[in-house]
Amino acid sequence: MASQFGSTFKHDAEAEGYDLDVQNVADPIRTGYDKLLEWVIEQAAFTPDSRVLELGSGTGNLSCRIPGCAELVAVDLSDQMEAIARTKLGHLSHRRFVQCDILDAFDYAPGPFDRVLSTYTIHHLTETEKHALFVKIRRSLAKGGRAVFGDLMVKDRSTLEAKIREYGAKDDQATVEALRDEFFWLLDPSIQKLEELGFKAEVKRFSDLSYGVLAALGSHG
């Protein structure tokens, strides 16, 4: 079942300018971008035998940081983003691209995976869809597996409303629109859901609106 707003956030039209856009650290949506991606790679703790699934591979900015692995399955809806990604990823000889919605990814790329990664993508899912994705990820991970996320997040719904007021007072309408129209993670319920599924979750903040989440399974889980 595809996500409700996948076609809305496909971003084909933005593909050409995306890599320049993410360098604009003055934009609250982009602040902390590089450090967050570096943290995701660090927390993934790849081995040469790792089978890896990346959800929302975009222009390859996360993939190109992967030092090497046994297999990388990269999932994205945008063939325009993928065309840019391919120019960066010659060192990943075992990479396979799947063009589909991230909620459908597990139909085309069955587990088990040792690592599941996603950056700046899951905030396009509704709250219910996020929790459904966590269930799919849990089922697809091998024992001792890790899911590592970097994304736009706020603590809870009251914090979201406060941020809308805060950026409105700054007359930053672009950020207000992003907060209103996209589906920033609500950290508290997301962490609760991950822990209910048996993950040990750790959170690190990178900017006012971005966080990293490590969700790890034990060797028996």
Protein backbone atom coordinates (compact mmCIF):
# COMPACT_ATOMS: atom_id res chain seq x y z
CA MET A 1 0.00 0.00 0.00
CA ALA A 2 1.59 3.25 -1.17
CA SER A 3 1.71 6.30 1.05
CA GLN A 4 -1.07 8.84 0.69
CA PHE A 5 1.14 11.76 -0.36
CA GLY A 6 3.99 9.98 -2.15
CA SER A 7 3.29 11.62 -5.50
CA THR A 8 3.07 15.05 -3.83
CA PHE A 9 6.58 14.73 -2.41
CA LYS A 10 8.21 12.95 -5.35
CA HIS A 11 10.48 15.98 -5.98
CA ASP A 12 11.33 15.30 -9.63
CA ALA A 13 11.05 19.02 -10.35
CA GLU A 14 13.48 19.86 -7.53
CA ALA A 15 16.06 17.20 -8.39
CA GLU A 16 18.45 19.39 -10.36
CA GLY A 17 18.75 22.01 -7.63
CA TYR A 18 18.48 19.70 -4.62
CA ASP A 19 22.19 19.35 -3.80
CA LEU A 20 22.66 23.11 -3.88
CA ASP A 21 19.53 23.61 -1.77
CA VAL A 22 20.70 21.36 1.06
CA GLN A 23 23.88 23.42 1.41
CA ASN A 24 21.85 26.44 2.56
CA VAL A 25 22.49 26.02 6.28
CA ALA A 26 20.73 29.33 7.00
CA ASP A 27 17.46 27.60 6.13
CA PRO A 28 16.07 26.01 9.34
CA ILE A 29 15.00 22.99 7.28
CA ARG A 30 18.60 22.42 6.13
CA THR A 31 20.57 23.36 9.23
CA GLY A 32 22.64 20.39 10.42
CA TYR A 33 22.16 18.42 7.20
CA ASP A 34 25.74 17.21 6.67
CA LYS A 35 26.43 16.41 10.30
CA LEU A 36 23.19 14.47 10.54
CA LEU A 37 24.04 12.36 7.49
CA GLU A 38 27.51 11.69 8.88
CA TRP A 39 25.98 10.58 12.19
CA VAL A 40 23.60 8.19 10.42
CA ILE A 41 26.53 6.52 8.66
CA GLU A 42 28.52 6.34 11.90
CA GLN A 43 25.64 4.80 13.85
CA ALA A 44 24.91 2.27 11.11
CA ALA A 45 28.26 0.62 11.88
CA PHE A 46 28.46 -1.22 8.57
CA THR A 47 30.47 -4.37 8.07
CA PRO A 48 31.63 -5.74 4.70
CA ASP A 49 28.84 -8.33 5.02
CA SER A 50 26.02 -5.87 5.71
CA ARG A 51 22.89 -6.06 3.58
CA VAL A 52 21.50 -2.49 3.58
CA LEU A 53 18.16 -0.95 2.65
CA GLU A 54 17.97 2.82 2.11
CA LEU A 55 14.49 4.35 2.04
CA GLY A 56 14.37 7.61 0.12
CA SER A 57 17.79 7.47 -1.54
CA GLY A 58 17.31 10.76 -3.40
CA THR A 59 20.42 12.17 -5.07
CA GLY A 60 22.71 9.77 -3.23
CA ASN A 61 24.03 12.11 -0.55
CA LEU A 62 23.74 9.43 2.13
CA SER A 63 24.70 6.48 -0.09
CA CYS A 64 27.94 8.12 -1.22
CA ARG A 65 29.12 8.15 2.42
CA ILE A 66 28.73 4.39 2.82
CA PRO A 67 32.26 2.93 3.00
CA GLY A 68 31.19 -0.39 1.52
CA CYS A 69 28.78 -3.24 2.16
CA ALA A 70 27.71 -6.57 0.69
CA GLU A 71 24.55 -5.14 -0.89
CA LEU A 72 22.70 -1.82 -0.97
CA VAL A 73 19.07 -1.66 -2.06
CA ALA A 74 18.18 1.99 -2.68
CA VAL A 75 14.49 2.97 -2.87
CA ASP A 76 13.04 6.21 -4.19
CA LEU A 77 10.07 7.35 -6.27
CA SER A 78 12.09 9.86 -8.30
CA ASP A 79 13.99 8.70 -11.36
CA GLN A 80 15.30 12.27 -11.73
CA MET A 81 16.90 12.07 -8.28
CA GLU A 82 18.28 8.63 -9.11
CA ALA A 83 19.90 9.90 -12.32
CA ILE A 84 21.95 12.32 -10.20
CA ALA A 85 22.69 9.66 -7.58
CA ARG A 86 24.20 7.29 -10.13
CA THR A 87 26.92 9.82 -10.95
CA LYS A 88 28.18 9.65 -7.33
CA LEU A 89 28.05 5.96 -6.52
CA GLY A 90 30.53 4.12 -8.68
CA HIS A 91 32.26 2.70 -5.59
CA LEU A 92 29.13 0.75 -4.61
CA SER A 93 29.27 -2.11 -7.06
CA HIS A 94 26.52 -4.07 -5.32
CA ARG A 95 23.93 -1.27 -5.32
CA ARG A 96 20.46 -1.91 -6.73
CA PHE A 97 17.85 0.81 -7.28
CA VAL A 98 14.13 0.17 -6.81
CA GLN A 99 11.73 2.88 -7.96
CA CYS A 100 8.71 2.68 -5.68
CA ASP A 101 6.99 4.19 -2.66
CA ILE A 102 8.87 3.47 0.56
CA LEU A 103 5.82 1.74 2.07
CA ASP A 104 5.89 -0.67 -0.88
CA ALA A 105 9.65 -1.24 -0.70
CA PHE A 106 9.42 -4.51 1.20
CA ASP A 107 7.36 -6.10 -1.58
CA TYR A 108 10.22 -5.48 -4.03
CA ALA A 109 13.16 -5.82 -1.65
CA PRO A 110 12.41 -8.52 0.91
CA GLY A 111 14.58 -8.87 3.99
CA PRO A 112 16.33 -9.76 6.04
CA PHE A 113 18.48 -6.63 6.10
CA ASP A 114 21.24 -5.87 8.57
CA ARG A 115 20.73 -2.13 8.29
CA VAL A 116 17.81 0.09 7.25
CA LEU A 117 18.57 3.77 6.70
CA SER A 118 16.47 6.80 5.87
CA THR A 119 17.16 10.53 5.86
CA TYR A 120 14.76 13.40 5.16
CA THR A 121 12.08 11.12 3.74
CA ILE A 122 9.85 9.63 6.45
CA HIS A 123 8.50 13.10 7.31
CA HIS A 124 6.45 12.72 4.12
CA LEU A 125 4.40 9.97 5.78
CA THR A 126 1.39 10.58 7.98
CA GLU A 127 1.67 9.53 11.62
CA THR A 128 -0.24 6.31 10.97
CA GLU A 129 1.96 5.56 7.95
CA LYS A 130 5.13 6.14 9.97
CA HIS A 131 4.05 3.56 12.53
CA ALA A 132 3.13 1.11 9.77
CA LEU A 133 6.59 1.61 8.28
CA PHE A 134 8.24 0.90 11.62
CA VAL A 135 6.41 -2.43 11.74
CA LYS A 136 7.64 -3.29 8.22
CA ILE A 137 11.20 -2.34 9.16
CA ARG A 138 11.05 -4.46 12.31
CA ARG A 139 9.93 -7.48 10.32
CA SER A 140 12.66 -6.98 7.74
CA LEU A 141 15.62 -6.60 10.10
CA ALA A 142 17.92 -9.48 10.95
CA LYS A 143 18.85 -10.25 14.55
CA GLY A 144 21.13 -7.54 15.86
CA GLY A 145 20.00 -5.24 13.05
CA ARG A 146 19.88 -1.46 13.16
CA ALA A 147 17.56 1.14 11.69
CA VAL A 148 19.02 4.64 11.61
CA PHE A 149 17.01 7.73 10.72
CA GLY A 150 17.80 11.38 10.23
CA ASP A 151 14.87 13.68 9.64
CA LEU A 152 12.76 16.71 10.50
CA MET A 153 11.29 16.15 13.93
CA VAL A 154 9.74 17.88 16.93
CA LYS A 155 9.06 16.50 20.38
CA ASP A 156 5.27 16.31 20.21
CA ARG A 157 2.20 17.99 18.75
CA SER A 158 2.24 20.90 21.19
CA THR A 159 5.85 21.59 20.24
CA LEU A 160 4.85 21.52 16.57
CA GLU A 161 2.20 24.17 17.19
CA ALA A 162 4.70 26.25 19.18
CA LYS A 163 7.22 26.06 16.32
CA ILE A 164 4.59 27.23 13.84
CA ARG A 165 3.95 30.27 16.03
CA GLU A 166 7.67 30.87 16.56
CA TYR A 167 8.58 30.86 12.87
CA GLY A 168 5.45 32.84 12.06
CA ALA A 169 6.64 35.56 14.44
CA LYS A 170 9.93 35.60 12.52
CA ASP A 171 7.97 35.99 9.27
CA ASP A 172 9.59 32.79 7.99
CA GLN A 173 6.63 31.61 5.94
CA ALA A 174 8.56 28.88 4.10
CA THR A 175 9.32 27.11 7.37
CA VAL A 176 5.77 27.66 8.62
CA GLU A 177 4.42 26.04 5.47
CA ALA A 178 6.77 23.07 5.86
CA LEU A 179 5.69 22.61 9.47
CA ARG A 180 2.02 22.80 8.50
CA ASP A 181 2.01 20.90 5.22
CA GLU A 182 4.54 18.13 5.78
CA PHE A 183 4.48 15.52 8.51
CA PHE A 184 7.44 16.18 10.76
CA TRP A 185 8.08 13.28 13.12
CA LEU A 186 6.48 13.61 16.52
CA LEU A 187 9.36 12.15 18.48
CA ASP A 188 7.58 11.03 21.63
CA PRO A 189 4.98 8.77 19.95
CA SER A 190 7.53 7.58 17.38
CA ILE A 191 9.99 6.47 20.05
CA GLN A 192 7.17 4.84 22.00
CA LYS A 193 6.16 2.85 18.91
CA LEU A 194 9.74 1.78 18.18
CA GLU A 195 10.21 0.61 21.75
CA GLU A 196 6.92 -1.29 21.66
CA LEU A 197 8.32 -3.15 18.64
CA GLY A 198 11.36 -4.23 20.62
CA PHE A 199 13.90 -1.60 19.55
CA LYS A 200 16.28 0.14 21.87
CA ALA A 201 16.05 3.75 20.70
CA GLU A 202 18.55 6.58 21.04
CA VAL A 203 17.98 10.19 19.93
CA LYS A 204 20.42 12.96 19.03
CA ARG A 205 19.48 16.51 18.12
CA PHE A 206 21.24 18.32 15.28
CA SER A 207 19.27 21.54 14.87
CA ASP A 208 16.06 23.19 15.96
CA LEU A 209 14.08 20.93 13.60
CA SER A 210 16.31 17.92 12.89
CA TYR A 211 17.17 14.84 14.90
CA GLY A 212 18.78 11.46 14.44
CA VAL A 213 17.21 8.27 15.78
CA LEU A 214 19.04 4.96 16.21
CA ALA A 215 16.71 1.96 16.67
CA ALA A 216 18.69 -1.19 17.45
CA LEU A 217 17.69 -4.80 17.96
CA GLY A 218 19.47 -7.15 20.31
CA SER A 219 21.22 -10.26 19.05
CA HIS A 220 18.14 -12.30 20.04
CA GLY A 221 15.55 -9.86 18.67
